[in-house]
């Protein structure tokens, strides 16, 4: 079905492209938000990727690779957005914490800890982490999607996991110190 829509969109069918864009928009937005850490900039990146997709779709050689191609366009739009606006997005999300179990509080603390580590990553490292762990691509597929050598993708993933690990360990040490415990 997607292949038929891609083929029709390649021939200029606006409704087919709209169906493809609508089916992909939420996932693209979530990916862009994870990479850029800013909702407005993520919307801009998704819009830019979809505009670029419409313009370049007739040149897509393999309609079966549409999703991977669209991910690549999105990541490139995210990286362009990150480069063009060197600002740090201060975003406050109000979390509704139910007065329930200790497990829920630990989950929120773990998520906050990961978020702090994730903010330390540069957009190219975030892109690799998101595509590998969130989208579920293999490292080889990540490299292909980003248009970088496999070694570069592996290096970015390694660097990103080291930064995240260091952030988690630093938080753990800070937590021990604030509790009056020494490591």
Protein backbone atom coordinates (compact mmCIF):
# COMPACT_ATOMS: atom_id res chain seq x y z
CA UNK A 1 0.00 0.00 0.00
CA UNK A 2 2.77 2.48 0.94
CA UNK A 3 4.61 1.63 -2.26
CA UNK A 4 1.51 2.50 -4.29
CA UNK A 5 1.20 5.83 -2.48
CA UNK A 6 4.89 6.59 -3.05
CA UNK A 7 4.57 5.76 -6.74
CA UNK A 8 1.50 7.98 -7.08
CA UNK A 9 3.18 10.81 -5.16
CA UNK A 10 6.26 10.52 -7.38
CA UNK A 11 3.96 11.19 -10.34
CA UNK A 12 2.70 14.37 -8.63
CA UNK A 13 -0.41 13.09 -6.83
CA UNK A 14 -0.90 15.58 -3.99
CA UNK A 15 -3.41 13.39 -2.16
CA UNK A 16 -1.04 10.42 -2.15
CA UNK A 17 1.74 12.57 -0.72
CA UNK A 18 -0.65 14.00 1.86
CA UNK A 19 -1.54 10.46 2.94
CA UNK A 20 2.16 9.58 3.26
CA UNK A 21 2.91 12.77 5.18
CA UNK A 22 -0.07 12.31 7.50
CA UNK A 23 0.89 8.71 8.23
CA UNK A 24 4.47 9.76 9.05
CA UNK A 25 3.98 13.12 10.76
CA UNK A 26 3.57 12.00 14.38
CA UNK A 27 6.58 9.68 14.27
CA UNK A 28 8.71 12.30 12.50
CA UNK A 29 7.72 14.90 15.10
CA UNK A 30 8.63 12.60 18.00
CA UNK A 31 12.01 11.87 16.43
CA UNK A 32 12.68 15.56 15.75
CA UNK A 33 11.68 16.49 19.30
CA UNK A 34 14.07 13.91 20.72
CA UNK A 35 16.91 15.23 18.56
CA UNK A 36 16.27 18.96 18.94
CA UNK A 37 14.76 19.06 22.46
CA UNK A 38 12.47 21.91 21.37
CA UNK A 39 8.90 21.51 20.15
CA UNK A 40 8.85 24.57 17.89
CA UNK A 41 12.15 23.71 16.25
CA UNK A 42 10.99 20.10 15.84
CA UNK A 43 7.87 21.29 14.01
CA UNK A 44 10.04 23.44 11.74
CA UNK A 45 12.35 20.50 11.00
CA UNK A 46 9.45 18.17 10.18
CA UNK A 47 7.91 20.79 7.90
CA UNK A 48 11.25 21.34 6.16
CA UNK A 49 11.77 17.59 5.72
CA UNK A 50 8.30 17.14 4.21
CA UNK A 51 8.75 20.09 1.84
CA UNK A 52 12.12 18.67 0.78
CA UNK A 53 10.53 15.22 0.37
CA UNK A 54 7.84 16.60 -1.93
CA UNK A 55 10.41 18.40 -4.08
CA UNK A 56 12.83 15.47 -4.28
CA UNK A 57 10.36 12.57 -4.41
CA UNK A 58 10.48 12.16 -8.21
CA UNK A 59 14.20 11.40 -7.84
CA UNK A 60 13.70 8.64 -5.24
CA UNK A 61 15.06 5.51 -6.93
CA UNK A 62 13.57 2.84 -4.66
CA UNK A 63 10.01 3.45 -3.42
CA UNK A 64 10.46 0.67 -0.86
CA UNK A 65 13.14 2.82 0.84
CA UNK A 66 10.76 5.78 1.30
CA UNK A 67 10.69 5.57 5.11
CA UNK A 68 14.48 5.39 5.44
CA UNK A 69 14.84 8.21 2.94
CA UNK A 70 12.32 10.34 4.84
CA UNK A 71 14.16 9.67 8.12
CA UNK A 72 17.37 10.85 6.49
CA UNK A 73 15.69 14.03 5.28
CA UNK A 74 14.33 14.61 8.77
CA UNK A 75 17.67 14.11 10.51
CA UNK A 76 19.35 16.45 8.03
CA UNK A 77 16.62 19.04 8.65
CA UNK A 78 17.13 18.63 12.42
CA UNK A 79 20.88 19.11 12.08
CA UNK A 80 20.34 22.18 9.88
CA UNK A 81 17.90 23.55 12.43
CA UNK A 82 20.36 22.93 15.26
CA UNK A 83 23.16 24.68 13.35
CA UNK A 84 21.04 27.64 12.30
CA UNK A 85 19.75 28.42 15.75
CA UNK A 86 22.47 28.14 18.34
CA UNK A 87 20.17 28.67 21.23
CA UNK A 88 19.51 26.49 24.18
CA UNK A 89 15.88 25.70 24.57
CA UNK A 90 14.65 26.07 28.09
CA UNK A 91 11.59 23.94 28.29
CA UNK A 92 9.68 23.16 31.41
CA UNK A 93 7.30 20.25 31.38
CA UNK A 94 4.93 19.86 34.24
CA UNK A 95 4.82 16.26 35.28
CA UNK A 96 1.77 15.00 37.04
CA UNK A 97 3.00 12.72 39.76
CA UNK A 98 0.33 10.62 41.36
CA UNK A 99 0.82 9.99 45.06
CA UNK A 100 1.27 6.30 44.44
CA UNK A 101 4.18 3.96 44.88
CA UNK A 102 7.89 4.49 45.32
CA UNK A 103 8.41 2.83 41.93
CA UNK A 104 6.67 5.70 40.14
CA UNK A 105 8.92 8.22 41.85
CA UNK A 106 12.00 6.23 40.93
CA UNK A 107 10.82 6.03 37.30
CA UNK A 108 10.40 9.82 37.16
CA UNK A 109 13.82 10.33 38.73
CA UNK A 110 15.39 7.92 36.24
CA UNK A 111 13.70 9.68 33.32
CA UNK A 112 14.90 13.08 34.59
CA UNK A 113 18.41 11.69 34.98
CA UNK A 114 18.40 10.38 31.40
CA UNK A 115 17.01 13.69 30.17
CA UNK A 116 19.88 15.60 31.78
CA UNK A 117 22.37 13.29 30.11
CA UNK A 118 20.57 13.51 26.77
CA UNK A 119 20.76 17.31 26.83
CA UNK A 120 24.57 17.04 27.00
CA UNK A 121 24.69 15.33 23.61
CA UNK A 122 25.26 17.24 20.39
CA UNK A 123 22.51 16.88 17.76
CA UNK A 124 24.50 14.39 15.60
CA UNK A 125 24.93 12.10 18.64
CA UNK A 126 21.26 12.53 19.59
CA UNK A 127 20.30 11.57 16.05
CA UNK A 128 22.25 8.32 16.25
CA UNK A 129 20.83 7.47 19.68
CA UNK A 130 17.26 8.23 18.58
CA UNK A 131 17.52 6.27 15.35
CA UNK A 132 19.18 3.30 17.05
CA UNK A 133 17.31 3.03 20.35
CA UNK A 134 14.00 4.78 19.60
CA UNK A 135 13.41 3.97 15.93
CA UNK A 136 15.11 0.56 16.29
CA UNK A 137 17.52 0.75 13.37
CA UNK A 138 20.72 -1.26 13.38
CA UNK A 139 23.95 0.74 13.45
CA UNK A 140 24.44 -0.06 9.75
CA UNK A 141 20.94 1.23 8.99
CA UNK A 142 21.64 4.35 11.05
CA UNK A 143 24.80 4.96 9.03
CA UNK A 144 22.88 4.51 5.79
CA UNK A 145 20.04 6.78 6.96
CA UNK A 146 22.45 9.52 7.99
CA UNK A 147 24.65 9.07 4.94
CA UNK A 148 27.76 8.58 7.05
CA UNK A 149 30.31 5.75 7.13
CA UNK A 150 29.55 2.85 9.46
CA UNK A 151 32.57 3.74 11.60
CA UNK A 152 31.24 7.27 12.09
CA UNK A 153 27.86 5.97 13.21
CA UNK A 154 29.55 3.54 15.61
CA UNK A 155 31.78 6.30 16.96
CA UNK A 156 28.85 8.66 17.51
CA UNK A 157 26.86 5.96 19.26
CA UNK A 158 29.83 5.05 21.44
CA UNK A 159 30.47 8.69 22.34
CA UNK A 160 26.80 9.28 23.11
CA UNK A 161 26.51 6.25 25.38
CA UNK A 162 29.69 7.30 27.20
CA UNK A 163 28.26 10.78 27.78
CA UNK A 164 24.99 9.31 29.03
CA UNK A 165 26.84 6.84 31.27
CA UNK A 166 29.01 9.63 32.71
CA UNK A 167 25.93 11.76 33.39
CA UNK A 168 24.20 8.90 35.19
CA UNK A 169 27.31 8.14 37.24
CA UNK A 170 27.72 11.82 38.14
CA UNK A 171 24.11 11.97 39.28
CA UNK A 172 24.63 8.81 41.32
CA UNK A 173 27.69 10.32 43.02
CA UNK A 174 25.80 13.56 43.67
CA UNK A 175 22.93 11.59 45.15
CA UNK A 176 25.25 9.67 47.44
CA UNK A 177 26.99 12.86 48.55
CA UNK A 178 23.70 14.64 49.27
CA UNK A 179 22.57 11.67 51.37
CA UNK A 180 25.71 11.97 53.47
CA UNK A 181 27.11 8.74 52.08
CA UNK A 182 30.56 8.49 50.61
CA UNK A 183 31.43 6.39 47.61
